[in-house]
């Protein structure tokens, strides 16, 4: 693949290693003897796959047969942080937590 495709290492709902490209989540299907790793879309109806070698995407194949399933990674990180703070800071009002986290998010992405 000639262009650089941005991806993020993450986990599936069952805590297995996965990668996220845009709004699509791929789980590991197979690790080959040549060191490449094949990932398939986590949606059963979908035939999209990704092949990585040395932590770089070499091939993206197939067509996604579903709507967008996930938030973009940076937004998902903010949502995750908000949920964690809401659970751990029980006495703090949610609007305060929201304001604190979104300010941090805006500072990072501007």
N, C-alpha and C. Protein backbone atom coordinates (compact mmCIF):
# COMPACT_ATOMS: atom_id res chain seq x y z
N UNK A 1 0.85 -1.16 0.00
CA UNK A 1 0.00 0.00 0.00
C UNK A 1 0.90 1.23 0.00
N UNK A 2 0.68 2.13 -0.92
CA UNK A 2 1.55 3.28 -1.09
C UNK A 2 1.28 4.40 -0.09
N UNK A 3 0.04 4.59 0.30
CA UNK A 3 -0.28 5.67 1.22
C UNK A 3 -0.25 5.18 2.67
N UNK A 4 -0.03 6.10 3.57
CA UNK A 4 0.00 5.77 4.99
C UNK A 4 -1.43 5.80 5.53
N UNK A 5 -1.88 4.68 6.06
CA UNK A 5 -3.20 4.60 6.67
C UNK A 5 -3.04 4.62 8.18
N UNK A 6 -3.71 5.56 8.82
CA UNK A 6 -3.60 5.69 10.27
C UNK A 6 -4.50 4.67 10.96
N UNK A 7 -3.94 3.99 11.95
CA UNK A 7 -4.71 3.02 12.73
C UNK A 7 -4.30 3.13 14.18
N UNK A 8 -5.13 2.56 15.05
CA UNK A 8 -4.87 2.59 16.49
C UNK A 8 -5.03 1.18 17.03
N UNK A 9 -4.12 0.79 17.90
CA UNK A 9 -4.26 -0.48 18.61
C UNK A 9 -5.31 -0.29 19.69
N UNK A 10 -6.20 -1.23 19.81
CA UNK A 10 -7.26 -1.17 20.80
C UNK A 10 -7.64 -2.59 21.19
N UNK A 11 -8.81 -2.77 21.76
CA UNK A 11 -9.29 -4.10 22.16
C UNK A 11 -10.73 -4.28 21.71
N UNK A 12 -11.13 -5.53 21.50
CA UNK A 12 -12.51 -5.84 21.19
C UNK A 12 -13.31 -5.85 22.49
N UNK A 13 -14.62 -6.08 22.39
CA UNK A 13 -15.45 -6.15 23.60
C UNK A 13 -15.03 -7.30 24.49
N UNK A 14 -14.43 -8.33 23.91
CA UNK A 14 -13.95 -9.47 24.70
C UNK A 14 -12.49 -9.32 25.12
N UNK A 15 -11.98 -8.10 24.97
CA UNK A 15 -10.63 -7.76 25.42
C UNK A 15 -9.52 -8.39 24.59
N UNK A 16 -9.82 -8.78 23.35
CA UNK A 16 -8.80 -9.33 22.45
C UNK A 16 -8.14 -8.16 21.70
N UNK A 17 -6.87 -8.31 21.32
CA UNK A 17 -6.21 -7.23 20.58
C UNK A 17 -6.92 -6.96 19.26
N UNK A 18 -6.97 -5.68 18.89
CA UNK A 18 -7.64 -5.28 17.66
C UNK A 18 -7.04 -3.97 17.18
N UNK A 19 -7.39 -3.60 15.95
CA UNK A 19 -7.01 -2.29 15.44
C UNK A 19 -8.27 -1.57 14.97
N UNK A 20 -8.21 -0.25 15.05
CA UNK A 20 -9.31 0.57 14.57
C UNK A 20 -8.79 1.48 13.47
N UNK A 21 -9.47 1.44 12.33
CA UNK A 21 -9.16 2.32 11.21
C UNK A 21 -10.42 3.12 10.95
N UNK A 22 -10.36 4.41 11.17
CA UNK A 22 -11.56 5.23 11.04
C UNK A 22 -12.59 4.78 12.04
N UNK A 23 -13.75 4.36 11.55
CA UNK A 23 -14.81 3.90 12.44
C UNK A 23 -14.95 2.38 12.41
N UNK A 24 -14.01 1.69 11.78
CA UNK A 24 -14.10 0.24 11.64
C UNK A 24 -13.12 -0.47 12.58
N UNK A 25 -13.59 -1.55 13.18
CA UNK A 25 -12.78 -2.31 14.12
C UNK A 25 -12.44 -3.67 13.51
N UNK A 26 -11.17 -4.05 13.59
CA UNK A 26 -10.69 -5.32 13.04
C UNK A 26 -10.06 -6.15 14.15
N UNK A 27 -10.38 -7.43 14.17
CA UNK A 27 -9.79 -8.35 15.14
C UNK A 27 -8.74 -9.21 14.44
N UNK A 28 -7.82 -9.77 15.21
CA UNK A 28 -6.81 -10.64 14.63
C UNK A 28 -7.47 -11.95 14.20
N UNK A 29 -7.26 -12.30 12.95
CA UNK A 29 -7.75 -13.58 12.46
C UNK A 29 -6.63 -14.61 12.44
N UNK A 30 -5.42 -14.16 12.01
CA UNK A 30 -4.34 -15.13 11.83
C UNK A 30 -2.99 -14.42 11.87
N UNK A 31 -2.03 -15.07 12.51
CA UNK A 31 -0.65 -14.60 12.47
C UNK A 31 0.13 -15.58 11.60
N UNK A 32 0.72 -15.07 10.52
CA UNK A 32 1.39 -15.92 9.55
C UNK A 32 2.86 -16.15 9.91
N UNK A 33 3.45 -17.19 9.33
CA UNK A 33 4.85 -17.52 9.60
C UNK A 33 5.81 -16.43 9.14
N UNK A 34 5.42 -15.67 8.12
CA UNK A 34 6.31 -14.61 7.61
C UNK A 34 6.26 -13.34 8.46
N UNK A 35 5.51 -13.36 9.57
CA UNK A 35 5.43 -12.22 10.48
C UNK A 35 4.26 -11.31 10.22
N UNK A 36 3.52 -11.55 9.15
CA UNK A 36 2.36 -10.70 8.87
C UNK A 36 1.18 -11.13 9.74
N UNK A 37 0.28 -10.19 9.97
CA UNK A 37 -0.92 -10.45 10.75
C UNK A 37 -2.12 -10.07 9.90
N UNK A 38 -3.10 -10.95 9.84
CA UNK A 38 -4.33 -10.67 9.09
C UNK A 38 -5.42 -10.35 10.09
N UNK A 39 -6.09 -9.23 9.86
CA UNK A 39 -7.20 -8.78 10.68
C UNK A 39 -8.47 -8.84 9.84
N UNK A 40 -9.59 -9.19 10.46
CA UNK A 40 -10.87 -9.16 9.77
C UNK A 40 -11.82 -8.25 10.54
N UNK A 41 -12.77 -7.70 9.82
CA UNK A 41 -13.76 -6.82 10.45
C UNK A 41 -14.52 -7.60 11.51
N UNK A 42 -14.86 -6.94 12.61
CA UNK A 42 -15.55 -7.63 13.70
C UNK A 42 -17.02 -7.88 13.39
N UNK A 43 -17.55 -7.27 12.34
CA UNK A 43 -18.94 -7.52 11.94
C UNK A 43 -18.97 -8.81 11.11
N UNK A 44 -19.76 -9.78 11.54
CA UNK A 44 -19.79 -11.09 10.88
C UNK A 44 -20.21 -11.02 9.42
N UNK A 45 -21.05 -10.05 9.06
CA UNK A 45 -21.55 -9.94 7.70
C UNK A 45 -20.54 -9.32 6.75
N UNK A 46 -19.45 -8.85 7.26
CA UNK A 46 -18.49 -8.05 6.50
C UNK A 46 -17.30 -8.88 6.05
N UNK A 47 -16.83 -8.64 4.83
CA UNK A 47 -15.67 -9.38 4.35
C UNK A 47 -14.40 -8.53 4.27
N UNK A 48 -14.41 -7.36 4.87
CA UNK A 48 -13.23 -6.48 4.84
C UNK A 48 -12.11 -7.06 5.70
N UNK A 49 -10.87 -6.90 5.23
CA UNK A 49 -9.72 -7.40 5.98
C UNK A 49 -8.53 -6.47 5.78
N UNK A 50 -7.57 -6.60 6.69
CA UNK A 50 -6.35 -5.80 6.67
C UNK A 50 -5.19 -6.74 6.92
N UNK A 51 -4.10 -6.56 6.18
CA UNK A 51 -2.88 -7.31 6.42
C UNK A 51 -1.79 -6.34 6.85
N UNK A 52 -1.15 -6.65 7.97
CA UNK A 52 -0.07 -5.81 8.49
C UNK A 52 1.23 -6.60 8.54
N UNK A 53 2.32 -5.90 8.22
CA UNK A 53 3.66 -6.47 8.36
C UNK A 53 4.50 -5.41 9.06
N UNK A 54 5.18 -5.81 10.13
CA UNK A 54 6.05 -4.92 10.91
C UNK A 54 5.32 -3.64 11.33
N UNK A 55 4.10 -3.81 11.83
CA UNK A 55 3.31 -2.70 12.36
C UNK A 55 2.92 -1.67 11.30
N UNK A 56 2.94 -2.06 10.03
CA UNK A 56 2.51 -1.18 8.93
C UNK A 56 1.46 -1.91 8.10
N UNK A 57 0.45 -1.19 7.70
CA UNK A 57 -0.61 -1.79 6.89
C UNK A 57 -0.11 -1.95 5.46
N UNK A 58 -0.19 -3.19 4.96
CA UNK A 58 0.24 -3.49 3.59
C UNK A 58 -0.94 -3.62 2.65
N UNK A 59 -2.04 -4.21 3.10
CA UNK A 59 -3.20 -4.41 2.24
C UNK A 59 -4.49 -4.16 3.02
N UNK A 60 -5.45 -3.54 2.34
CA UNK A 60 -6.82 -3.45 2.85
C UNK A 60 -7.70 -4.01 1.75
N UNK A 61 -8.48 -5.03 2.08
CA UNK A 61 -9.31 -5.70 1.08
C UNK A 61 -10.76 -5.76 1.53
N UNK A 62 -11.66 -5.89 0.56
CA UNK A 62 -13.06 -6.11 0.85
C UNK A 62 -13.85 -4.83 1.01
N UNK A 63 -15.14 -5.03 1.14
CA UNK A 63 -16.09 -3.93 1.26
C UNK A 63 -16.84 -4.09 2.57
N UNK A 64 -16.95 -3.02 3.33
CA UNK A 64 -17.71 -3.08 4.58
C UNK A 64 -19.19 -3.18 4.25
N UNK A 65 -19.85 -4.16 4.81
CA UNK A 65 -21.27 -4.40 4.54
C UNK A 65 -22.12 -4.03 5.75
N UNK A 66 -21.82 -2.88 6.32
CA UNK A 66 -22.55 -2.42 7.49
C UNK A 66 -22.35 -0.93 7.63
N UNK A 67 -23.17 -0.33 8.47
CA UNK A 67 -23.02 1.10 8.75
C UNK A 67 -21.80 1.30 9.65
N UNK A 68 -21.40 2.56 9.80
CA UNK A 68 -20.31 2.85 10.71
C UNK A 68 -20.68 2.37 12.11
N UNK A 69 -19.77 1.70 12.77
CA UNK A 69 -20.07 1.07 14.04
C UNK A 69 -19.47 1.79 15.23
N UNK A 70 -18.40 2.51 15.02
CA UNK A 70 -17.67 3.06 16.16
C UNK A 70 -17.44 4.55 15.98
N UNK A 71 -17.19 5.20 17.09
CA UNK A 71 -16.78 6.59 17.05
C UNK A 71 -15.33 6.65 16.57
N UNK A 72 -14.92 7.74 15.92
CA UNK A 72 -13.50 7.90 15.63
C UNK A 72 -12.69 7.75 16.92
N UNK A 73 -11.47 7.26 16.80
CA UNK A 73 -10.67 6.87 17.96
C UNK A 73 -10.54 7.98 18.99
N UNK A 74 -10.20 9.20 18.57
CA UNK A 74 -9.98 10.28 19.54
C UNK A 74 -11.26 10.62 20.29
N UNK A 75 -12.41 10.53 19.66
CA UNK A 75 -13.67 10.79 20.35
C UNK A 75 -13.99 9.64 21.30
N UNK A 76 -13.72 8.42 20.86
CA UNK A 76 -13.92 7.26 21.72
C UNK A 76 -13.08 7.32 22.98
N UNK A 77 -11.87 7.85 22.87
CA UNK A 77 -11.01 8.01 24.04
C UNK A 77 -11.62 8.99 25.04
N UNK A 78 -12.20 10.08 24.55
CA UNK A 78 -12.83 11.07 25.43
C UNK A 78 -14.04 10.46 26.12
N UNK A 79 -14.85 9.72 25.36
CA UNK A 79 -16.04 9.08 25.94
C UNK A 79 -15.60 8.08 27.02
N UNK A 80 -14.57 7.30 26.74
CA UNK A 80 -14.07 6.32 27.72
C UNK A 80 -13.58 7.03 28.98
N UNK A 81 -12.83 8.11 28.80
CA UNK A 81 -12.32 8.86 29.96
C UNK A 81 -13.48 9.44 30.78
N UNK A 82 -14.51 9.95 30.11
CA UNK A 82 -15.67 10.50 30.80
C UNK A 82 -16.37 9.42 31.62
N UNK A 83 -16.56 8.26 31.02
CA UNK A 83 -17.22 7.16 31.74
C UNK A 83 -16.43 6.74 32.97
N UNK A 84 -15.11 6.63 32.81
CA UNK A 84 -14.26 6.24 33.94
C UNK A 84 -14.35 7.27 35.06
N UNK A 85 -14.31 8.55 34.69
CA UNK A 85 -14.37 9.61 35.70
C UNK A 85 -15.74 9.63 36.38
N UNK A 86 -16.80 9.40 35.62
CA UNK A 86 -18.15 9.40 36.20
C UNK A 86 -18.30 8.30 37.24
N UNK A 87 -17.66 7.17 37.01
CA UNK A 87 -17.74 6.05 37.95
C UNK A 87 -16.84 6.28 39.17
N UNK A 88 -15.65 6.82 38.94
CA UNK A 88 -14.70 6.95 40.04
C UNK A 88 -14.90 8.23 40.87
N UNK A 89 -15.51 9.26 40.29
CA UNK A 89 -15.73 10.52 41.00
C UNK A 89 -17.22 10.69 41.28
N UNK A 90 -17.75 9.85 42.11
CA UNK A 90 -19.20 9.80 42.35
C UNK A 90 -19.74 11.12 42.89
N UNK A 91 -18.97 11.82 43.70
CA UNK A 91 -19.46 13.05 44.32
C UNK A 91 -19.34 14.28 43.41
N UNK A 92 -18.64 14.15 42.29
CA UNK A 92 -18.48 15.28 41.38
C UNK A 92 -19.65 15.31 40.39
N UNK A 93 -20.31 16.45 40.22
CA UNK A 93 -21.42 16.54 39.27
C UNK A 93 -20.93 16.25 37.84
N UNK A 94 -21.76 15.56 37.08
CA UNK A 94 -21.39 15.18 35.71
C UNK A 94 -21.05 16.38 34.83
N UNK A 95 -21.77 17.50 34.93
CA UNK A 95 -21.38 18.64 34.09
C UNK A 95 -19.95 19.13 34.36
N UNK A 96 -19.50 19.05 35.63
CA UNK A 96 -18.13 19.44 35.95
C UNK A 96 -17.13 18.49 35.29
N UNK A 97 -17.41 17.21 35.39
CA UNK A 97 -16.52 16.22 34.75
C UNK A 97 -16.49 16.45 33.25
N UNK A 98 -17.66 16.65 32.66
CA UNK A 98 -17.77 16.88 31.22
C UNK A 98 -16.95 18.09 30.80
N UNK A 99 -17.11 19.20 31.52
CA UNK A 99 -16.38 20.43 31.19
C UNK A 99 -14.87 20.21 31.27
N UNK A 100 -14.41 19.55 32.33
CA UNK A 100 -12.98 19.31 32.50
C UNK A 100 -12.41 18.47 31.36
N UNK A 101 -13.10 17.41 31.01
CA UNK A 101 -12.59 16.50 29.98
C UNK A 101 -12.67 17.13 28.60
N UNK A 102 -13.75 17.81 28.30
CA UNK A 102 -13.86 18.43 26.97
C UNK A 102 -12.86 19.56 26.79
N UNK A 103 -12.54 20.30 27.85
CA UNK A 103 -11.51 21.34 27.75
C UNK A 103 -10.16 20.71 27.41
N UNK A 104 -9.87 19.60 28.05
CA UNK A 104 -8.61 18.90 27.77
C UNK A 104 -8.59 18.41 26.32
N UNK A 105 -9.70 17.90 25.86
CA UNK A 105 -9.81 17.40 24.49
C UNK A 105 -9.61 18.54 23.48
N UNK A 106 -10.24 19.69 23.73
CA UNK A 106 -10.11 20.82 22.83
C UNK A 106 -8.66 21.31 22.79
N UNK A 107 -8.00 21.37 23.94
CA UNK A 107 -6.61 21.82 24.00
C UNK A 107 -5.69 20.89 23.22
N UNK A 108 -5.94 19.61 23.27
CA UNK A 108 -5.10 18.64 22.59
C UNK A 108 -5.29 18.71 21.08
N UNK A 109 -6.52 18.91 20.61
CA UNK A 109 -6.84 18.81 19.19
C UNK A 109 -6.91 20.14 18.45
N UNK A 110 -6.54 21.22 19.10
CA UNK A 110 -6.53 22.52 18.39
C UNK A 110 -5.11 22.94 18.12
